[in-house]
């Protein structure tokens, strides 16, 4: 994520908290992580993972796209490829890159995005959040862990699962992967 994008994201999260007159403690309790972690996110010291953003969105009762701006008309959203924003989680534990495919602030039942991983910098961790999740592999290969099962995922493969089950990609240092993730926000 560029420094500018990281700071915009941090400001947006802080502004949402302030607009609801919530303390760091209240939001961190609702989101399920420490007050210190939320403070680091709000001060752009840590890039939040997708699962962390999903938990913050749930705590604020907003769609995850609320954090990324961009207003749109109700109903159909057309977002040309050259207008999409790439975000690199270089200060998160996972070090991944993602881009929202349907950005905006309108509440949606699902959020689609493209995730790119580079095994040289990626750190494996399991995440969980409400809703369901769909993964479709575009390029490369990886293992994807869902609960106590590990799936070998290659180009064209897909997974669909309950996102409350701890899950996450795992790749070797020599691998790269690019895939679409769609998750619901009940």
N, C-alpha and C. Protein backbone atom coordinates (compact mmCIF):
# COMPACT_ATOMS: atom_id res chain seq x y z
N UNK A 1 0.86 -1.15 0.00
CA UNK A 1 0.00 0.00 0.00
C UNK A 1 0.92 1.22 0.00
N UNK A 2 0.65 2.20 -0.80
CA UNK A 2 1.49 3.38 -0.79
C UNK A 2 1.28 4.11 0.53
N UNK A 3 2.27 4.95 0.87
CA UNK A 3 2.15 5.72 2.12
C UNK A 3 0.87 6.55 2.13
N UNK A 4 0.53 7.17 1.00
CA UNK A 4 -0.67 8.00 0.92
C UNK A 4 -1.90 7.16 1.18
N UNK A 5 -2.00 6.00 0.55
CA UNK A 5 -3.16 5.12 0.74
C UNK A 5 -3.23 4.63 2.18
N UNK A 6 -2.10 4.26 2.75
CA UNK A 6 -2.09 3.81 4.15
C UNK A 6 -2.63 4.90 5.08
N UNK A 7 -2.22 6.12 4.84
CA UNK A 7 -2.66 7.21 5.69
C UNK A 7 -4.13 7.55 5.46
N UNK A 8 -4.61 7.44 4.23
CA UNK A 8 -6.04 7.65 3.96
C UNK A 8 -6.88 6.61 4.67
N UNK A 9 -6.44 5.36 4.60
CA UNK A 9 -7.14 4.27 5.27
C UNK A 9 -7.15 4.49 6.78
N UNK A 10 -6.01 4.85 7.34
CA UNK A 10 -5.90 5.12 8.77
C UNK A 10 -6.83 6.26 9.18
N UNK A 11 -6.83 7.34 8.40
CA UNK A 11 -7.70 8.49 8.72
C UNK A 11 -9.18 8.11 8.64
N UNK A 12 -9.54 7.28 7.65
CA UNK A 12 -10.93 6.88 7.48
C UNK A 12 -11.39 6.04 8.67
N UNK A 13 -10.57 5.13 9.12
CA UNK A 13 -10.92 4.29 10.27
C UNK A 13 -11.07 5.15 11.52
N UNK A 14 -10.12 6.07 11.71
CA UNK A 14 -10.18 6.96 12.87
C UNK A 14 -11.42 7.86 12.82
N UNK A 15 -11.75 8.35 11.61
CA UNK A 15 -12.92 9.21 11.44
C UNK A 15 -14.22 8.45 11.72
N UNK A 16 -14.29 7.20 11.27
CA UNK A 16 -15.48 6.39 11.56
C UNK A 16 -15.65 6.19 13.05
N UNK A 17 -14.55 5.93 13.73
CA UNK A 17 -14.61 5.74 15.18
C UNK A 17 -15.06 7.03 15.87
N UNK A 18 -14.49 8.14 15.45
CA UNK A 18 -14.84 9.44 16.04
C UNK A 18 -16.30 9.81 15.76
N UNK A 19 -16.77 9.53 14.54
CA UNK A 19 -18.15 9.89 14.18
C UNK A 19 -19.17 9.11 14.99
N UNK A 20 -18.75 8.00 15.56
CA UNK A 20 -19.62 7.18 16.39
C UNK A 20 -19.35 7.38 17.88
N UNK A 21 -18.44 8.33 18.18
CA UNK A 21 -18.06 8.63 19.56
C UNK A 21 -17.64 7.36 20.30
N UNK A 22 -16.84 6.54 19.63
CA UNK A 22 -16.37 5.29 20.23
C UNK A 22 -14.91 5.42 20.63
N UNK A 23 -14.55 4.76 21.71
CA UNK A 23 -13.16 4.75 22.15
C UNK A 23 -12.40 3.64 21.42
N UNK A 24 -11.08 3.71 21.50
CA UNK A 24 -10.24 2.63 20.96
C UNK A 24 -10.64 1.30 21.59
N UNK A 25 -10.86 1.34 22.89
CA UNK A 25 -11.22 0.12 23.62
C UNK A 25 -12.54 -0.47 23.11
N UNK A 26 -13.56 0.38 22.92
CA UNK A 26 -14.86 -0.11 22.45
C UNK A 26 -14.75 -0.78 21.08
N UNK A 27 -14.05 -0.13 20.15
CA UNK A 27 -13.92 -0.68 18.80
C UNK A 27 -13.08 -1.95 18.82
N UNK A 28 -11.99 -1.94 19.56
CA UNK A 28 -11.14 -3.13 19.60
C UNK A 28 -11.89 -4.32 20.21
N UNK A 29 -12.71 -4.08 21.22
CA UNK A 29 -13.52 -5.14 21.81
C UNK A 29 -14.50 -5.72 20.79
N UNK A 30 -15.18 -4.83 20.06
CA UNK A 30 -16.14 -5.29 19.04
C UNK A 30 -15.45 -6.03 17.90
N UNK A 31 -14.27 -5.56 17.52
CA UNK A 31 -13.54 -6.16 16.40
C UNK A 31 -12.77 -7.42 16.81
N UNK A 32 -12.49 -7.55 18.10
CA UNK A 32 -11.82 -8.76 18.58
C UNK A 32 -10.31 -8.72 18.49
N UNK A 33 -9.72 -7.54 18.59
CA UNK A 33 -8.27 -7.47 18.69
C UNK A 33 -7.89 -6.36 19.66
N UNK A 34 -6.62 -6.20 19.94
CA UNK A 34 -6.19 -5.30 21.00
C UNK A 34 -6.34 -3.82 20.65
N UNK A 35 -6.47 -3.03 21.69
CA UNK A 35 -6.53 -1.58 21.54
C UNK A 35 -5.24 -1.07 20.91
N UNK A 36 -4.11 -1.67 21.29
CA UNK A 36 -2.82 -1.29 20.72
C UNK A 36 -2.76 -1.51 19.22
N UNK A 37 -3.32 -2.65 18.76
CA UNK A 37 -3.35 -2.93 17.33
C UNK A 37 -4.19 -1.90 16.59
N UNK A 38 -5.35 -1.56 17.15
CA UNK A 38 -6.21 -0.55 16.52
C UNK A 38 -5.49 0.80 16.46
N UNK A 39 -4.80 1.14 17.50
CA UNK A 39 -4.03 2.39 17.52
C UNK A 39 -2.97 2.39 16.42
N UNK A 40 -2.28 1.26 16.25
CA UNK A 40 -1.26 1.17 15.19
C UNK A 40 -1.89 1.30 13.82
N UNK A 41 -3.08 0.71 13.63
CA UNK A 41 -3.79 0.83 12.35
C UNK A 41 -4.17 2.28 12.10
N UNK A 42 -4.73 2.94 13.12
CA UNK A 42 -5.16 4.33 12.97
C UNK A 42 -4.00 5.29 12.76
N UNK A 43 -2.82 4.91 13.17
CA UNK A 43 -1.64 5.76 12.98
C UNK A 43 -0.76 5.30 11.82
N UNK A 44 -1.31 4.41 10.99
CA UNK A 44 -0.64 3.91 9.78
C UNK A 44 0.71 3.25 10.08
N UNK A 45 0.81 2.63 11.25
CA UNK A 45 2.02 1.89 11.59
C UNK A 45 1.91 0.43 11.19
N UNK A 46 0.67 -0.03 10.96
CA UNK A 46 0.40 -1.40 10.55
C UNK A 46 -0.64 -1.36 9.43
N UNK A 47 -0.44 -2.16 8.39
CA UNK A 47 -1.44 -2.30 7.33
C UNK A 47 -2.35 -3.46 7.71
N UNK A 48 -3.65 -3.19 7.88
CA UNK A 48 -4.56 -4.26 8.29
C UNK A 48 -4.79 -5.28 7.18
N UNK A 49 -4.94 -6.54 7.57
CA UNK A 49 -5.26 -7.60 6.61
C UNK A 49 -6.73 -7.46 6.20
N UNK A 50 -7.12 -8.22 5.20
CA UNK A 50 -8.51 -8.21 4.74
C UNK A 50 -9.43 -8.64 5.88
N UNK A 51 -9.05 -9.69 6.60
CA UNK A 51 -9.88 -10.17 7.71
C UNK A 51 -10.00 -9.11 8.80
N UNK A 52 -8.92 -8.38 9.07
CA UNK A 52 -8.97 -7.31 10.07
C UNK A 52 -9.90 -6.21 9.61
N UNK A 53 -9.83 -5.83 8.32
CA UNK A 53 -10.75 -4.82 7.78
C UNK A 53 -12.19 -5.31 7.87
N UNK A 54 -12.41 -6.59 7.61
CA UNK A 54 -13.76 -7.15 7.71
C UNK A 54 -14.29 -7.04 9.14
N UNK A 55 -13.42 -7.31 10.12
CA UNK A 55 -13.83 -7.22 11.52
C UNK A 55 -14.10 -5.76 11.91
N UNK A 56 -13.29 -4.84 11.41
CA UNK A 56 -13.54 -3.42 11.68
C UNK A 56 -14.85 -2.97 11.02
N UNK A 57 -15.08 -3.43 9.79
CA UNK A 57 -16.33 -3.08 9.10
C UNK A 57 -17.53 -3.57 9.90
N UNK A 58 -17.40 -4.79 10.44
CA UNK A 58 -18.48 -5.34 11.25
C UNK A 58 -18.66 -4.51 12.53
N UNK A 59 -17.58 -4.11 13.17
CA UNK A 59 -17.66 -3.31 14.39
C UNK A 59 -18.33 -1.96 14.13
N UNK A 60 -18.06 -1.37 12.97
CA UNK A 60 -18.66 -0.08 12.61
C UNK A 60 -20.00 -0.22 11.89
N UNK A 61 -20.36 -1.48 11.56
CA UNK A 61 -21.58 -1.78 10.80
C UNK A 61 -21.59 -1.04 9.45
N UNK A 62 -20.48 -1.19 8.73
CA UNK A 62 -20.34 -0.61 7.39
C UNK A 62 -19.74 -1.67 6.47
N UNK A 63 -19.88 -1.50 5.16
CA UNK A 63 -19.19 -2.41 4.25
C UNK A 63 -17.70 -2.13 4.27
N UNK A 64 -16.89 -3.13 3.98
CA UNK A 64 -15.43 -2.95 3.98
C UNK A 64 -15.01 -1.86 2.99
N UNK A 65 -15.77 -1.70 1.93
CA UNK A 65 -15.43 -0.69 0.93
C UNK A 65 -15.52 0.73 1.49
N UNK A 66 -16.19 0.90 2.62
CA UNK A 66 -16.29 2.21 3.27
C UNK A 66 -14.90 2.78 3.58
N UNK A 67 -13.94 1.91 3.81
CA UNK A 67 -12.60 2.35 4.16
C UNK A 67 -11.83 2.91 2.97
N UNK A 68 -12.31 2.64 1.76
CA UNK A 68 -11.56 3.02 0.58
C UNK A 68 -12.19 4.15 -0.23
N UNK A 69 -13.30 4.73 0.25
CA UNK A 69 -13.89 5.87 -0.43
C UNK A 69 -14.57 5.49 -1.72
N UNK A 70 -14.67 6.45 -2.62
CA UNK A 70 -15.27 6.31 -3.94
C UNK A 70 -16.78 6.10 -3.88
N UNK A 71 -17.50 7.19 -4.10
CA UNK A 71 -18.96 7.13 -4.14
C UNK A 71 -19.41 6.60 -5.49
N UNK A 72 -20.57 5.99 -5.54
CA UNK A 72 -21.12 5.53 -6.80
C UNK A 72 -22.63 5.65 -6.76
N UNK A 73 -23.24 5.57 -7.93
CA UNK A 73 -24.69 5.58 -8.01
C UNK A 73 -25.22 4.28 -7.41
N UNK A 74 -26.46 4.33 -6.96
CA UNK A 74 -27.08 3.11 -6.43
C UNK A 74 -27.20 2.07 -7.53
N UNK A 75 -27.18 0.81 -7.15
CA UNK A 75 -27.38 -0.25 -8.13
C UNK A 75 -26.10 -0.75 -8.74
N UNK A 76 -25.93 -0.54 -10.02
CA UNK A 76 -24.82 -1.09 -10.78
C UNK A 76 -23.56 -0.25 -10.60
N UNK A 77 -22.43 -0.93 -10.45
CA UNK A 77 -21.15 -0.25 -10.34
C UNK A 77 -20.26 -0.72 -11.48
N UNK A 78 -19.74 0.21 -12.25
CA UNK A 78 -18.74 -0.10 -13.26
C UNK A 78 -17.47 0.58 -12.83
N UNK A 79 -16.41 -0.20 -12.67
CA UNK A 79 -15.15 0.36 -12.23
C UNK A 79 -14.06 -0.14 -13.16
N UNK A 80 -13.64 0.68 -14.12
CA UNK A 80 -12.63 0.24 -15.09
C UNK A 80 -11.32 -0.15 -14.40
N UNK A 81 -10.64 -1.09 -15.01
CA UNK A 81 -9.39 -1.61 -14.45
C UNK A 81 -8.40 -0.50 -14.13
N UNK A 82 -8.29 0.49 -15.01
CA UNK A 82 -7.30 1.55 -14.80
C UNK A 82 -7.67 2.49 -13.66
N UNK A 83 -8.86 2.36 -13.10
CA UNK A 83 -9.28 3.21 -11.97
C UNK A 83 -9.18 2.48 -10.63
N UNK A 84 -8.91 1.17 -10.68
CA UNK A 84 -8.83 0.42 -9.43
C UNK A 84 -7.56 0.76 -8.68
N UNK A 85 -7.63 0.61 -7.39
CA UNK A 85 -6.53 0.96 -6.52
C UNK A 85 -5.89 -0.30 -5.95
N UNK A 86 -4.59 -0.47 -6.22
CA UNK A 86 -3.84 -1.58 -5.64
C UNK A 86 -3.40 -1.19 -4.24
N UNK A 87 -3.51 -2.13 -3.31
CA UNK A 87 -3.14 -1.88 -1.94
C UNK A 87 -2.21 -2.99 -1.49
N UNK A 88 -1.05 -2.63 -0.99
CA UNK A 88 -0.09 -3.62 -0.54
C UNK A 88 0.00 -3.58 0.97
N UNK A 89 -0.26 -4.70 1.61
CA UNK A 89 -0.19 -4.79 3.06
C UNK A 89 1.23 -5.04 3.52
N UNK A 90 2.13 -4.14 3.22
CA UNK A 90 3.54 -4.37 3.50
C UNK A 90 3.90 -4.27 4.97
N UNK A 91 3.05 -3.66 5.77
CA UNK A 91 3.36 -3.59 7.19
C UNK A 91 2.46 -4.49 8.02
N UNK A 92 1.74 -5.37 7.35
CA UNK A 92 0.94 -6.33 8.09
C UNK A 92 1.75 -7.60 8.28
N UNK A 93 1.22 -8.50 9.04
CA UNK A 93 1.94 -9.76 9.26
C UNK A 93 1.99 -10.60 8.00
N UNK A 94 1.07 -10.39 7.07
CA UNK A 94 0.95 -11.28 5.93
C UNK A 94 1.67 -10.79 4.66
N UNK A 95 1.82 -9.51 4.46
CA UNK A 95 2.48 -8.96 3.27
C UNK A 95 1.85 -9.45 1.97
N UNK A 96 0.64 -9.03 1.71
CA UNK A 96 -0.06 -9.39 0.49
C UNK A 96 -0.48 -8.11 -0.22
N UNK A 97 -0.94 -8.26 -1.45
CA UNK A 97 -1.44 -7.12 -2.21
C UNK A 97 -2.87 -7.44 -2.61
N UNK A 98 -3.76 -6.48 -2.50
CA UNK A 98 -5.12 -6.71 -2.92
C UNK A 98 -5.68 -5.48 -3.60
N UNK A 99 -6.72 -5.70 -4.42
CA UNK A 99 -7.39 -4.59 -5.07
C UNK A 99 -8.88 -4.88 -5.07
N UNK A 100 -9.66 -3.88 -4.63
CA UNK A 100 -11.11 -4.04 -4.59
C UNK A 100 -11.64 -4.00 -6.01
N UNK A 101 -12.52 -4.92 -6.34
CA UNK A 101 -13.10 -4.97 -7.68
C UNK A 101 -14.41 -4.20 -7.77
N UNK A 102 -15.03 -3.93 -6.63
CA UNK A 102 -16.28 -3.16 -6.61
C UNK A 102 -16.22 -2.19 -5.43
N UNK A 103 -15.35 -1.17 -5.52
CA UNK A 103 -15.20 -0.24 -4.41
C UNK A 103 -16.42 0.66 -4.26
N UNK A 104 -16.47 1.36 -3.18
CA UNK A 104 -17.56 2.30 -2.94
C UNK A 104 -18.07 2.14 -1.53
N UNK A 105 -18.97 3.01 -1.17
CA UNK A 105 -19.45 3.03 0.21
C UNK A 105 -20.83 2.42 0.37
N UNK A 106 -21.44 1.99 -0.69
CA UNK A 106 -22.76 1.40 -0.61
C UNK A 106 -22.66 0.01 0.03
N UNK A 107 -23.57 -0.30 0.92
CA UNK A 107 -23.57 -1.62 1.56
C UNK A 107 -23.84 -2.68 0.51
N UNK A 108 -23.02 -3.70 0.53
CA UNK A 108 -23.18 -4.83 -0.38
C UNK A 108 -23.20 -6.11 0.44
N UNK A 109 -23.80 -7.14 -0.12
CA UNK A 109 -23.83 -8.44 0.55
C UNK A 109 -22.52 -9.19 0.37
N UNK A 110 -21.72 -8.77 -0.62
CA UNK A 110 -20.44 -9.43 -0.84
C UNK A 110 -19.40 -8.42 -1.30
N UNK A 111 -18.13 -8.75 -1.08
CA UNK A 111 -17.02 -7.89 -1.48
C UNK A 111 -16.05 -8.71 -2.32
N UNK A 112 -15.90 -8.36 -3.60
CA UNK A 112 -14.92 -9.06 -4.43
C UNK A 112 -13.60 -8.29 -4.49
N UNK A 113 -12.50 -9.02 -4.50
CA UNK A 113 -11.18 -8.39 -4.64
C UNK A 113 -10.19 -9.39 -5.21
N UNK A 114 -9.11 -8.85 -5.75
CA UNK A 114 -8.01 -9.69 -6.23
C UNK A 114 -6.90 -9.61 -5.19
N UNK A 115 -6.34 -10.76 -4.84
CA UNK A 115 -5.25 -10.83 -3.88
C UNK A 115 -4.02 -11.38 -4.59
N UNK A 116 -2.88 -10.75 -4.37
CA UNK A 116 -1.61 -11.23 -4.92
C UNK A 116 -0.65 -11.51 -3.77
N UNK A 117 0.01 -12.65 -3.83
CA UNK A 117 0.96 -13.05 -2.79
C UNK A 117 2.32 -13.33 -3.42
N UNK A 118 3.36 -12.94 -2.72
CA UNK A 118 4.72 -13.26 -3.14
C UNK A 118 5.35 -14.03 -1.98
N UNK A 119 5.73 -15.27 -2.23
CA UNK A 119 6.28 -16.12 -1.18
C UNK A 119 7.51 -15.57 -0.51
N UNK A 120 8.23 -14.67 -1.17
CA UNK A 120 9.44 -14.09 -0.59
C UNK A 120 9.12 -13.22 0.62
N UNK A 121 7.95 -12.59 0.63
CA UNK A 121 7.61 -11.66 1.71
C UNK A 121 6.38 -12.07 2.51
N UNK A 122 5.63 -13.05 2.03
CA UNK A 122 4.38 -13.44 2.67
C UNK A 122 4.64 -14.23 3.96
N UNK A 123 3.84 -13.94 4.98
CA UNK A 123 3.92 -14.67 6.24
C UNK A 123 2.56 -15.31 6.50
N UNK A 124 2.56 -16.61 6.68
CA UNK A 124 1.33 -17.38 6.87
C UNK A 124 0.68 -17.06 8.20
N UNK A 125 -0.62 -16.85 8.17
CA UNK A 125 -1.43 -16.71 9.38
C UNK A 125 -2.87 -17.05 9.04
N UNK A 126 -3.60 -17.57 9.99
CA UNK A 126 -5.01 -17.88 9.77
C UNK A 126 -5.86 -16.71 10.24
N UNK A 127 -6.94 -16.45 9.51
CA UNK A 127 -7.86 -15.37 9.82
C UNK A 127 -9.27 -15.97 9.89
N UNK A 128 -10.17 -15.28 10.54
CA UNK A 128 -11.57 -15.67 10.52
C UNK A 128 -12.42 -14.42 10.62
N UNK A 129 -13.61 -14.49 10.07
CA UNK A 129 -14.56 -13.37 10.11
C UNK A 129 -15.94 -13.92 9.79
N UNK A 130 -16.95 -13.13 10.00
CA UNK A 130 -18.32 -13.57 9.71
C UNK A 130 -18.51 -13.75 8.22
N UNK A 131 -19.52 -14.49 7.84
CA UNK A 131 -19.89 -14.64 6.45
C UNK A 131 -19.31 -15.87 5.79
N UNK A 132 -19.39 -15.87 4.47
CA UNK A 132 -18.85 -16.95 3.66
C UNK A 132 -17.79 -16.38 2.75
N UNK A 133 -16.93 -17.25 2.23
CA UNK A 133 -15.85 -16.77 1.36
C UNK A 133 -15.69 -17.71 0.17
N UNK A 134 -15.39 -17.12 -0.96
CA UNK A 134 -15.13 -17.84 -2.20
C UNK A 134 -13.76 -17.42 -2.70
N UNK A 135 -12.94 -18.40 -3.10
CA UNK A 135 -11.59 -18.15 -3.62
C UNK A 135 -11.51 -18.80 -5.00
N UNK A 136 -11.05 -18.04 -6.00
CA UNK A 136 -10.83 -18.57 -7.35
C UNK A 136 -9.40 -18.23 -7.77
N UNK A 137 -8.61 -19.27 -8.04
CA UNK A 137 -7.20 -19.10 -8.37
C UNK A 137 -7.02 -18.64 -9.82
N UNK A 138 -6.38 -17.48 -9.98
CA UNK A 138 -6.11 -16.93 -11.31
C UNK A 138 -4.77 -17.39 -11.86
N UNK A 139 -3.71 -17.25 -11.03
CA UNK A 139 -2.35 -17.58 -11.46
C UNK A 139 -1.57 -18.19 -10.30
N UNK A 140 -0.64 -19.07 -10.63
CA UNK A 140 0.25 -19.64 -9.63
C UNK A 140 -0.39 -20.83 -8.94
N UNK A 141 0.17 -21.15 -7.80
CA UNK A 141 -0.36 -22.23 -6.97
C UNK A 141 -0.02 -21.95 -5.52
N UNK A 142 -0.81 -22.55 -4.64
CA UNK A 142 -0.62 -22.35 -3.21
C UNK A 142 -1.40 -23.42 -2.48
N UNK A 143 -1.18 -23.50 -1.21
CA UNK A 143 -2.04 -24.29 -0.34
C UNK A 143 -3.00 -23.30 0.32
N UNK A 144 -4.22 -23.74 0.56
CA UNK A 144 -5.17 -22.90 1.27
C UNK A 144 -5.72 -23.72 2.42
N UNK A 145 -5.53 -23.21 3.63
CA UNK A 145 -5.94 -23.91 4.84
C UNK A 145 -7.31 -23.41 5.26
N UNK A 146 -8.22 -24.34 5.50
CA UNK A 146 -9.54 -24.03 6.03
C UNK A 146 -9.76 -25.00 7.19
N UNK A 147 -9.69 -24.46 8.40
CA UNK A 147 -9.81 -25.31 9.59
C UNK A 147 -8.67 -26.31 9.66
N UNK A 148 -9.00 -27.58 9.76
CA UNK A 148 -7.96 -28.61 9.87
C UNK A 148 -7.64 -29.27 8.52
N UNK A 149 -8.15 -28.67 7.41
CA UNK A 149 -7.89 -29.23 6.08
C UNK A 149 -7.03 -28.27 5.27
N UNK A 150 -6.17 -28.85 4.43
CA UNK A 150 -5.31 -28.07 3.55
C UNK A 150 -5.59 -28.50 2.11
N UNK A 151 -5.84 -27.52 1.25
CA UNK A 151 -6.16 -27.77 -0.15
C UNK A 151 -5.01 -27.27 -1.02
N UNK A 152 -4.63 -28.06 -2.00
CA UNK A 152 -3.63 -27.66 -2.98
C UNK A 152 -4.39 -26.97 -4.11
N UNK A 153 -4.20 -25.66 -4.24
CA UNK A 153 -4.99 -24.85 -5.17
C UNK A 153 -4.12 -24.40 -6.34
N UNK A 154 -4.60 -24.68 -7.54
CA UNK A 154 -3.90 -24.30 -8.77
C UNK A 154 -4.82 -23.46 -9.65
N UNK A 155 -4.26 -22.90 -10.68
CA UNK A 155 -5.02 -22.06 -11.61
C UNK A 155 -6.33 -22.74 -12.02
N UNK A 156 -7.44 -22.00 -11.87
CA UNK A 156 -8.76 -22.51 -12.24
C UNK A 156 -9.49 -23.20 -11.12
N UNK A 157 -8.81 -23.53 -10.00
CA UNK A 157 -9.46 -24.17 -8.85
C UNK A 157 -10.20 -23.13 -8.02
N UNK A 158 -11.20 -23.59 -7.27
CA UNK A 158 -11.93 -22.68 -6.40
C UNK A 158 -12.26 -23.35 -5.07
N UNK A 159 -12.50 -22.53 -4.08
CA UNK A 159 -12.91 -22.96 -2.74
C UNK A 159 -14.10 -22.12 -2.31
N UNK A 160 -14.99 -22.69 -1.53
CA UNK A 160 -16.11 -21.96 -0.96
C UNK A 160 -16.28 -22.48 0.46
N UNK A 161 -16.31 -21.58 1.46
CA UNK A 161 -16.34 -22.06 2.84
C UNK A 161 -16.93 -21.01 3.77
N UNK A 162 -17.26 -21.47 4.97
CA UNK A 162 -17.74 -20.62 6.05
C UNK A 162 -16.52 -19.85 6.59
N UNK A 163 -16.53 -18.52 6.47
CA UNK A 163 -15.37 -17.71 6.83
C UNK A 163 -15.14 -17.62 8.34
N UNK A 164 -16.07 -18.14 9.14
CA UNK A 164 -15.85 -18.17 10.59
C UNK A 164 -14.82 -19.24 10.96
N UNK A 165 -14.58 -20.17 10.05
CA UNK A 165 -13.55 -21.19 10.25
C UNK A 165 -12.20 -20.55 9.95
N UNK A 166 -11.22 -20.65 10.84
CA UNK A 166 -9.90 -20.06 10.56
C UNK A 166 -9.38 -20.55 9.21
N UNK A 167 -8.90 -19.59 8.39
CA UNK A 167 -8.50 -19.91 7.03
C UNK A 167 -7.39 -18.97 6.56
N UNK A 168 -6.70 -19.39 5.54
CA UNK A 168 -5.67 -18.53 4.95
C UNK A 168 -4.81 -19.27 3.96
N UNK A 169 -4.19 -18.50 3.06
CA UNK A 169 -3.29 -19.09 2.07
C UNK A 169 -1.92 -19.38 2.67
N UNK A 170 -1.25 -20.38 2.10
CA UNK A 170 0.11 -20.71 2.50
C UNK A 170 0.89 -20.98 1.22
N UNK A 171 2.00 -20.27 1.03
CA UNK A 171 2.82 -20.48 -0.17
C UNK A 171 4.28 -20.61 0.22
N UNK A 172 5.03 -21.26 -0.65
CA UNK A 172 6.46 -21.44 -0.44
C UNK A 172 7.20 -20.16 -0.85
N UNK A 173 8.42 -20.00 -0.37
CA UNK A 173 9.24 -18.82 -0.68
C UNK A 173 9.41 -18.60 -2.18
N UNK A 174 9.40 -19.67 -2.97
CA UNK A 174 9.63 -19.57 -4.41
C UNK A 174 8.34 -19.37 -5.20
N UNK A 175 7.19 -19.36 -4.52
CA UNK A 175 5.90 -19.27 -5.22
C UNK A 175 5.32 -17.86 -5.20
N UNK A 176 4.47 -17.62 -6.20
CA UNK A 176 3.64 -16.43 -6.26
C UNK A 176 2.24 -16.89 -6.60
N UNK A 177 1.26 -16.17 -6.14
CA UNK A 177 -0.12 -16.54 -6.41
C UNK A 177 -0.96 -15.28 -6.60
N UNK A 178 -1.97 -15.40 -7.43
CA UNK A 178 -2.92 -14.31 -7.66
C UNK A 178 -4.30 -14.95 -7.76
N UNK A 179 -5.23 -14.47 -6.93
CA UNK A 179 -6.55 -15.10 -6.90
C UNK A 179 -7.63 -14.08 -6.56
N UNK A 180 -8.86 -14.44 -6.91
CA UNK A 180 -10.02 -13.61 -6.59
C UNK A 180 -10.61 -14.14 -5.28
N UNK A 181 -10.96 -13.21 -4.40
CA UNK A 181 -11.66 -13.54 -3.16
C UNK A 181 -12.98 -12.78 -3.19
N UNK A 182 -14.05 -13.46 -2.89
CA UNK A 182 -15.36 -12.83 -2.71
C UNK A 182 -15.85 -13.28 -1.35
N UNK A 183 -16.12 -12.32 -0.46
CA UNK A 183 -16.67 -12.73 0.83
C UNK A 183 -17.92 -11.94 1.14
N UNK A 184 -18.82 -12.62 1.83
CA UNK A 184 -20.11 -12.00 2.16
C UNK A 184 -19.97 -11.24 3.47
N UNK A 185 -20.81 -10.25 3.60
CA UNK A 185 -20.88 -9.45 4.83
C UNK A 185 -22.31 -9.48 5.32
N UNK A 186 -22.65 -10.49 6.12
CA UNK A 186 -24.04 -10.61 6.59
C UNK A 186 -24.45 -9.46 7.48
